[in-house]
Amino acid sequence: MSNEVFQTLPTTAVSDALKGKNHLPSTIKVLDARHHIAGKAVTVKLPIYENGAVMEAMLRAEPGDILVVDIENNTSRAVAGDFVIGMMKKLGIGGLVVNGAIRDVEAVLALDFPVFVTGITPAAGVKNGGGKVNIPVTIGKTTVQPGDIIVGDVNGVVVVPQEAALEVAARAKEKIVQDEERERTVTASRESIIAHLTKVTDSLKA
């Protein structure tokens, strides 16, 4: 399916549609809070300190794809810096998600390219030929399959299994409508707020 439908959906709604499952660890944070990503995953599994397989992933990626890199939470060496991330942008890649580090932060921010990362380091990665591309990777408790839909914003990163994308998108849209209606009715007056809070607290006692 097209990724466009997820471009307008916040991660909170997508997470609700997935019943709170399939999100990456909260230690992975967006560099620029304005950025929102939605695209198919190209996965990379790296040994610590290594970043060579990122280049292969860039060659395989289609415009709009999201590179999802698992380096086992190691932040000693950078997976990428401004030079590599600048190439990602020019190739039309949709974003970078990594449970590791990047460097050249000021220059990367100036590129206006979406990056979700665990840490920052001044040290460059090495290229010794290790790593694999487009295999399942597990980050935290969530496994990312190549082709899964990655949705990310200031609240975090959610993984939508590609086979469930249509259903999840529909549920997320429905949840947004429900939340908007709830806010409209519950916050209409002090009385309606009290009634809502009373209903919730009473249900917890039942």
Protein backbone atom coordinates (compact mmCIF):
# COMPACT_ATOMS: atom_id res chain seq x y z
CA MET A 1 0.00 0.00 0.00
CA SER A 2 1.00 3.63 -0.35
CA ASN A 3 2.81 5.17 2.61
CA GLU A 4 1.05 8.49 2.03
CA VAL A 5 -1.80 7.66 4.41
CA PHE A 6 0.68 7.37 7.29
CA GLN A 7 2.29 10.72 6.47
CA THR A 8 -0.63 12.48 8.16
CA LEU A 9 -1.01 10.12 11.12
CA PRO A 10 0.69 10.83 14.46
CA THR A 11 2.54 7.99 16.11
CA THR A 12 0.16 8.19 19.07
CA ALA A 13 -2.81 7.24 16.89
CA VAL A 14 -0.83 4.52 15.13
CA SER A 15 0.30 3.14 18.48
CA ASP A 16 -3.30 3.11 19.73
CA ALA A 17 -4.30 1.22 16.58
CA LEU A 18 -1.59 -1.33 17.43
CA LYS A 19 -2.83 -1.54 21.05
CA GLY A 20 0.38 -0.01 22.38
CA LYS A 21 2.63 -2.59 20.74
CA ASN A 22 5.39 -2.39 18.12
CA HIS A 23 7.07 0.82 19.21
CA LEU A 24 10.83 1.19 19.41
CA PRO A 25 12.54 2.06 22.72
CA SER A 26 11.96 5.60 23.96
CA THR A 27 15.73 6.09 24.05
CA ILE A 28 15.56 6.56 20.27
CA LYS A 29 14.70 10.24 19.83
CA VAL A 30 14.21 12.53 16.86
CA LEU A 31 16.92 15.16 16.39
CA ASP A 32 14.48 17.80 15.14
CA ALA A 33 11.02 17.77 16.71
CA ARG A 34 9.46 19.10 13.50
CA HIS A 35 10.20 15.92 11.58
CA HIS A 36 7.64 13.22 10.82
CA ILE A 37 8.51 10.10 8.83
CA ALA A 38 6.48 7.35 7.20
CA GLY A 39 8.03 4.87 4.81
CA LYS A 40 9.07 1.29 4.16
CA ALA A 41 11.93 -0.12 6.21
CA VAL A 42 15.28 -1.02 4.73
CA THR A 43 16.94 -2.79 7.63
CA VAL A 44 20.63 -2.93 8.53
CA LYS A 45 22.30 -5.11 11.16
CA LEU A 46 25.75 -3.87 12.17
CA PRO A 47 28.51 -5.16 14.43
CA ILE A 48 29.56 -2.53 16.95
CA TYR A 49 31.84 0.22 15.55
CA GLU A 50 31.01 -0.84 11.96
CA ASN A 51 29.02 1.21 9.45
CA GLY A 52 29.96 -0.12 6.03
CA ALA A 53 26.67 -1.94 5.39
CA VAL A 54 24.85 1.40 5.60
CA MET A 55 26.28 2.17 2.15
CA GLU A 56 24.79 -1.02 0.72
CA ALA A 57 21.44 -0.16 2.28
CA MET A 58 21.56 3.27 0.64
CA LEU A 59 22.09 1.61 -2.73
CA ARG A 60 19.08 -0.67 -2.20
CA ALA A 61 16.74 1.98 -0.82
CA GLU A 62 13.99 3.48 -2.94
CA PRO A 63 12.95 7.13 -2.54
CA GLY A 64 10.93 7.50 0.65
CA ASP A 65 12.32 4.37 2.31
CA ILE A 66 13.49 4.56 5.92
CA LEU A 67 16.85 3.08 6.95
CA VAL A 68 16.47 1.19 10.23
CA VAL A 69 19.86 0.37 11.71
CA ASP A 70 20.49 -2.02 14.60
CA ILE A 71 23.91 -1.63 16.18
CA GLU A 72 22.93 -3.05 19.57
CA ASN A 73 22.63 0.33 21.32
CA ASN A 74 26.35 1.00 20.96
CA THR A 75 27.09 4.72 20.83
CA SER A 76 30.90 4.61 20.82
CA ARG A 77 31.19 5.12 17.06
CA ALA A 78 28.93 6.94 14.62
CA VAL A 79 26.75 5.05 12.18
CA ALA A 80 26.77 8.16 9.99
CA GLY A 81 27.75 11.82 9.91
CA ASP A 82 26.81 14.81 7.80
CA PHE A 83 28.51 13.49 4.64
CA VAL A 84 26.65 10.16 4.60
CA ILE A 85 23.37 11.66 5.79
CA GLY A 86 23.69 14.35 3.12
CA MET A 87 23.92 11.59 0.52
CA MET A 88 20.83 9.95 2.00
CA LYS A 89 18.90 13.16 1.52
CA LYS A 90 20.04 13.57 -2.09
CA LEU A 91 19.04 9.96 -2.82
CA GLY A 92 15.53 10.72 -1.58
CA ILE A 93 15.72 8.39 1.41
CA GLY A 94 12.96 9.26 3.86
CA GLY A 95 14.85 9.09 7.15
CA LEU A 96 17.33 7.28 9.38
CA VAL A 97 16.43 5.38 12.56
CA VAL A 98 19.29 3.92 14.59
CA ASN A 99 19.74 2.48 18.07
CA GLY A 100 23.23 3.94 18.09
CA ALA A 101 24.98 7.23 17.42
CA ILE A 102 25.60 9.77 14.70
CA ARG A 103 28.01 12.70 14.63
CA ASP A 104 28.26 16.19 13.06
CA VAL A 105 24.97 17.12 14.72
CA GLU A 106 24.94 20.81 13.80
CA ALA A 107 25.59 20.03 10.14
CA VAL A 108 23.01 17.24 10.16
CA LEU A 109 20.38 19.58 11.62
CA ALA A 110 21.17 22.05 8.85
CA LEU A 111 20.42 19.32 6.28
CA ASP A 112 16.79 19.19 7.49
CA PHE A 113 16.80 15.40 7.17
CA PRO A 114 14.85 13.22 9.63
CA VAL A 115 17.13 11.35 12.02
CA PHE A 116 16.03 9.28 15.03
CA VAL A 117 18.96 8.27 17.18
CA THR A 118 20.02 7.03 20.61
CA GLY A 119 23.18 9.09 21.05
CA ILE A 120 25.82 11.45 19.72
CA THR A 121 29.56 10.83 19.42
CA PRO A 122 32.54 12.57 17.81
CA ALA A 123 34.07 9.25 16.73
CA ALA A 124 33.66 7.89 13.20
CA GLY A 125 32.59 4.34 12.47
CA VAL A 126 34.80 1.88 10.64
CA LYS A 127 34.30 -0.02 7.40
CA ASN A 128 35.62 -3.56 7.68
CA GLY A 129 32.93 -5.24 5.62
CA GLY A 130 30.70 -6.45 8.43
CA GLY A 131 26.94 -6.13 8.58
CA LYS A 132 23.85 -7.36 6.73
CA VAL A 133 21.07 -5.58 4.85
CA ASN A 134 17.35 -6.38 4.64
CA ILE A 135 17.17 -9.02 7.32
CA PRO A 136 14.84 -8.96 10.34
CA VAL A 137 16.29 -6.82 13.14
CA THR A 138 15.07 -6.62 16.72
CA ILE A 139 15.31 -3.28 18.48
CA GLY A 140 14.12 -3.38 22.05
CA LYS A 141 11.21 -5.81 22.02
CA THR A 142 10.12 -5.02 18.47
CA THR A 143 11.21 -6.93 15.38
CA VAL A 144 11.39 -4.92 12.16
CA GLN A 145 10.96 -6.81 8.91
CA PRO A 146 12.18 -5.33 5.63
CA GLY A 147 9.21 -3.55 4.07
CA ASP A 148 7.41 -2.83 7.34
CA ILE A 149 6.04 0.71 7.60
CA ILE A 150 8.03 2.96 9.91
CA VAL A 151 6.18 5.93 11.40
CA GLY A 152 8.09 8.41 13.53
CA ASP A 153 7.65 11.82 15.09
CA VAL A 154 8.50 13.70 18.28
CA ASN A 155 6.68 11.05 20.34
CA GLY A 156 8.78 8.15 19.07
CA VAL A 157 8.90 5.46 16.39
CA VAL A 158 6.24 2.84 15.65
CA VAL A 159 6.58 -0.21 13.38
CA VAL A 160 3.53 -1.25 11.34
CA PRO A 161 3.72 -4.79 9.92
CA GLN A 162 3.32 -4.42 6.17
CA GLU A 163 0.58 -7.06 5.98
CA ALA A 164 -1.51 -5.11 8.52
CA ALA A 165 -0.90 -1.61 7.14
CA LEU A 166 -4.37 -1.00 5.68
CA GLU A 167 -6.14 -2.18 8.83
CA VAL A 168 -3.85 -0.19 11.13
CA ALA A 169 -4.26 2.99 9.09
CA ALA A 170 -8.04 2.66 9.19
CA ARG A 171 -8.06 2.08 12.95
CA ALA A 172 -5.72 5.02 13.54
CA LYS A 173 -7.98 7.35 11.55
CA GLU A 174 -11.00 6.11 13.49
CA LYS A 175 -9.19 6.68 16.79
CA ILE A 176 -8.42 10.28 15.84
CA VAL A 177 -12.10 10.93 15.11
CA GLN A 178 -13.12 9.30 18.41
CA ASP A 179 -10.58 11.34 20.37
CA GLU A 180 -11.72 14.58 18.77
CA GLU A 181 -15.34 13.80 19.61
CA ARG A 182 -14.44 12.84 23.18
CA GLU A 183 -12.56 16.09 23.70
CA ARG A 184 -15.45 18.10 22.27
CA THR A 185 -18.07 16.50 24.51
CA VAL A 186 -16.10 15.91 27.71
CA THR A 187 -14.50 19.36 27.90
CA ALA A 188 -17.67 21.24 26.97
CA SER A 189 -18.24 22.30 30.58
CA ARG A 190 -17.10 21.79 34.14
CA GLU A 191 -20.06 19.50 34.69
CA SER A 192 -19.20 17.29 31.72
CA ILE A 193 -15.60 16.97 32.93
CA ILE A 194 -16.73 15.98 36.43
CA ALA A 195 -19.17 13.46 34.94
CA HIS A 196 -16.41 11.91 32.83
CA LEU A 197 -13.96 11.69 35.73
CA THR A 198 -16.63 10.18 37.96
CA LYS A 199 -17.47 7.57 35.34
CA VAL A 200 -13.82 6.60 34.98
CA THR A 201 -13.11 6.40 38.70
CA ASP A 202 -16.30 4.45 39.35
CA SER A 203 -15.35 1.93 36.68
CA LEU A 204 -12.02 1.36 38.43
CA LYS A 205 -13.82 0.48 41.65
CA ALA A 206 -16.14 -2.03 40.02
